[in-house]
Amino acid sequence: MSKLLDNSELKTIPLEQSATQVLEEARTILPGLQALFGFQLMAVFSSEFGKLDGLDRLVHWGAIVLTVSAMGLLMAPAALDRKIGARKVSSAFVDRANQLLALGLIPLMPAFALECYLVSNVIFDNRNFALVTGAIVFAFLSFMWLVLPHISMRSINHGR
């Protein structure tokens, strides 16, 4: 962890490389997200889905909407790149693409937490246990995707 926060190794990369990197990050995340979305859609057409109560069906619907929102945000940098033109790059594009990728993780946290709640509730038939499971998943992802990067950036900016 200390190596992660060591700013003596920080180097500025060329703008073109930074643009390529941000687009690659989006391409890395998307296949897993698309697989999740596919499983979410398949679940609706499963005979078991009809056995869920109204609340659990609503939870699943919410998770699907959040997943689609995340996909839209994560695919937006590629759409921006196409609109701007593959031969042009700017720091504004890189900044906006990074913002969109970061924003795309926000709806993913509750989407994963809701699905973990739902699966836990189906497996264990215990709504309280399922709520705790979903809350733990949400807290873990919040720490990994929001808190840890924030701590890292503060450490880098303060020269630690």
Protein backbone atom coordinates (compact mmCIF):
# COMPACT_ATOMS: atom_id res chain seq x y z
CA MET A 1 0.00 0.00 0.00
CA SER A 2 2.81 2.43 0.79
CA LYS A 3 4.23 1.89 -2.71
CA LEU A 4 0.81 2.75 -4.14
CA LEU A 5 0.93 6.07 -2.31
CA ASP A 6 4.58 6.84 -3.11
CA ASN A 7 4.60 9.96 -5.27
CA SER A 8 8.34 9.76 -5.96
CA GLU A 9 7.41 7.38 -8.78
CA LEU A 10 4.79 9.65 -10.36
CA LYS A 11 5.43 10.49 -13.97
CA THR A 12 3.44 12.57 -16.41
CA ILE A 13 2.39 10.65 -19.50
CA PRO A 14 1.67 12.14 -22.92
CA LEU A 15 -1.91 13.23 -23.59
CA GLU A 16 -2.39 10.60 -26.32
CA GLN A 17 -1.28 7.83 -23.96
CA SER A 18 -3.60 9.14 -21.25
CA ALA A 19 -6.55 9.10 -23.66
CA THR A 20 -5.71 5.56 -24.73
CA GLN A 21 -5.43 4.49 -21.10
CA VAL A 22 -8.82 5.87 -20.08
CA LEU A 23 -10.53 4.23 -23.07
CA GLU A 24 -8.82 0.92 -22.26
CA GLU A 25 -10.03 1.15 -18.66
CA ALA A 26 -13.60 1.48 -19.91
CA ARG A 27 -13.09 -1.47 -22.29
CA THR A 28 -11.80 -3.55 -19.40
CA ILE A 29 -14.82 -2.89 -17.18
CA LEU A 30 -17.53 -3.25 -19.81
CA PRO A 31 -17.45 -7.01 -20.55
CA GLY A 32 -18.06 -7.89 -16.90
CA LEU A 33 -20.80 -5.32 -16.66
CA GLN A 34 -22.43 -6.60 -19.84
CA ALA A 35 -22.29 -10.17 -18.49
CA LEU A 36 -23.98 -9.02 -15.27
CA PHE A 37 -26.65 -7.25 -17.31
CA GLY A 38 -27.25 -10.40 -19.34
CA PHE A 39 -27.71 -12.48 -16.19
CA GLN A 40 -30.05 -9.84 -14.77
CA LEU A 41 -32.21 -10.00 -17.88
CA MET A 42 -32.20 -13.80 -17.98
CA ALA A 43 -33.34 -13.94 -14.36
CA VAL A 44 -36.55 -12.09 -15.21
CA PHE A 45 -37.53 -14.82 -17.66
CA SER A 46 -36.75 -17.63 -15.22
CA SER A 47 -39.71 -19.49 -13.73
CA GLU A 48 -38.23 -18.85 -10.27
CA PHE A 49 -38.48 -15.09 -10.76
CA GLY A 50 -42.27 -15.27 -10.55
CA LYS A 51 -41.93 -16.74 -7.07
CA LEU A 52 -40.25 -13.59 -5.75
CA ASP A 53 -42.42 -11.20 -3.80
CA GLY A 54 -43.16 -7.73 -5.15
CA LEU A 55 -40.39 -6.08 -3.10
CA ASP A 56 -37.72 -8.44 -4.41
CA ARG A 57 -38.88 -7.97 -8.00
CA LEU A 58 -38.68 -4.20 -7.45
CA VAL A 59 -35.16 -4.60 -6.01
CA HIS A 60 -34.12 -6.51 -9.11
CA TRP A 61 -35.66 -3.87 -11.38
CA GLY A 62 -33.75 -1.18 -9.47
CA ALA A 63 -30.51 -3.10 -9.88
CA ILE A 64 -31.13 -3.39 -13.63
CA VAL A 65 -31.78 0.35 -13.96
CA LEU A 66 -28.59 1.09 -12.01
CA THR A 67 -26.60 -1.34 -14.17
CA VAL A 68 -27.88 0.29 -17.37
CA SER A 69 -27.00 3.71 -15.94
CA ALA A 70 -23.48 2.51 -15.19
CA MET A 71 -23.15 1.07 -18.69
CA GLY A 72 -24.22 4.37 -20.20
CA LEU A 73 -21.64 6.30 -18.18
CA LEU A 74 -18.87 3.78 -18.88
CA MET A 75 -19.58 3.72 -22.61
CA ALA A 76 -19.81 7.51 -22.88
CA PRO A 77 -16.02 8.09 -23.26
CA ALA A 78 -15.98 5.94 -26.39
CA ALA A 79 -18.96 7.87 -27.77
CA LEU A 80 -17.18 11.14 -27.01
CA ASP A 81 -14.05 9.86 -28.71
CA ARG A 82 -16.05 8.97 -31.84
CA LYS A 83 -17.75 12.38 -31.84
CA ILE A 84 -14.50 14.33 -31.40
CA GLY A 85 -12.67 12.24 -33.96
CA ALA A 86 -10.07 9.54 -33.54
CA ARG A 87 -7.27 11.87 -34.65
CA LYS A 88 -7.90 14.57 -32.04
CA VAL A 89 -7.29 14.46 -28.30
CA SER A 90 -7.45 17.12 -25.62
CA SER A 91 -6.90 17.29 -21.90
CA ALA A 92 -10.59 18.24 -21.60
CA PHE A 93 -11.53 14.91 -23.24
CA VAL A 94 -9.25 12.95 -20.90
CA ASP A 95 -10.63 14.79 -17.87
CA ARG A 96 -14.25 14.25 -18.97
CA ALA A 97 -13.62 10.57 -19.76
CA ASN A 98 -12.06 10.05 -16.33
CA GLN A 99 -15.05 11.78 -14.70
CA LEU A 100 -17.47 9.56 -16.62
CA LEU A 101 -15.59 6.41 -15.60
CA ALA A 102 -15.61 7.49 -11.96
CA LEU A 103 -19.31 8.36 -12.16
CA GLY A 104 -20.02 4.99 -13.78
CA LEU A 105 -18.87 3.23 -10.64
CA ILE A 106 -21.41 5.11 -8.49
CA PRO A 107 -24.54 3.29 -9.74
CA LEU A 108 -22.61 0.00 -9.81
CA MET A 109 -22.15 0.01 -6.04
CA PRO A 110 -25.87 -0.13 -5.21
CA ALA A 111 -26.56 -2.38 -8.24
CA PHE A 112 -24.13 -5.01 -6.93
CA ALA A 113 -25.37 -4.54 -3.37
CA LEU A 114 -29.02 -4.96 -4.43
CA GLU A 115 -28.26 -8.10 -6.42
CA CYS A 116 -26.25 -9.55 -3.52
CA TYR A 117 -29.18 -8.78 -1.23
CA LEU A 118 -31.56 -10.50 -3.63
CA VAL A 119 -29.42 -13.61 -4.14
CA SER A 120 -28.77 -13.89 -0.40
CA ASN A 121 -32.48 -13.61 0.32
CA VAL A 122 -33.28 -16.35 -2.19
CA ILE A 123 -30.52 -18.66 -0.94
CA PHE A 124 -31.01 -18.20 2.80
CA ASP A 125 -34.66 -17.10 2.90
CA ASN A 126 -33.66 -14.54 5.53
CA ARG A 127 -34.30 -10.91 4.66
CA ASN A 128 -32.27 -9.58 7.61
CA PHE A 129 -29.22 -11.62 6.63
CA ALA A 130 -29.71 -10.49 3.03
CA LEU A 131 -29.86 -6.83 4.11
CA VAL A 132 -26.62 -7.22 6.06
CA THR A 133 -24.99 -8.92 3.06
CA GLY A 134 -26.06 -6.12 0.72
CA ALA A 135 -24.89 -3.47 3.19
CA ILE A 136 -21.47 -5.15 3.55
CA VAL A 137 -21.06 -5.35 -0.24
CA PHE A 138 -22.04 -1.68 -0.57
CA ALA A 139 -19.63 -0.63 2.20
CA PHE A 140 -16.79 -2.68 0.73
CA LEU A 141 -17.25 -1.29 -2.79
CA SER A 142 -17.61 2.25 -1.43
CA PHE A 143 -14.31 1.85 0.39
CA MET A 144 -12.49 0.33 -2.59
CA TRP A 145 -13.88 2.65 -5.26
CA LEU A 146 -14.33 5.94 -3.37
CA VAL A 147 -12.46 6.08 -0.08
CA LEU A 148 -9.22 4.33 -1.06
CA PRO A 149 -8.71 6.39 -4.22
CA HIS A 150 -9.46 9.57 -2.24
CA ILE A 151 -6.90 8.62 0.42
CA SER A 152 -4.38 7.82 -2.31
CA MET A 153 -4.88 11.15 -4.05
CA ARG A 154 -4.64 13.10 -0.79
CA SER A 155 -1.41 11.33 0.03
CA ILE A 156 0.01 12.00 -3.44
CA ASN A 157 -1.05 15.66 -3.35
CA HIS A 158 0.50 16.13 0.09
CA GLY A 159 3.76 14.52 -0.99
CA ARG A 160 3.61 11.52 1.33
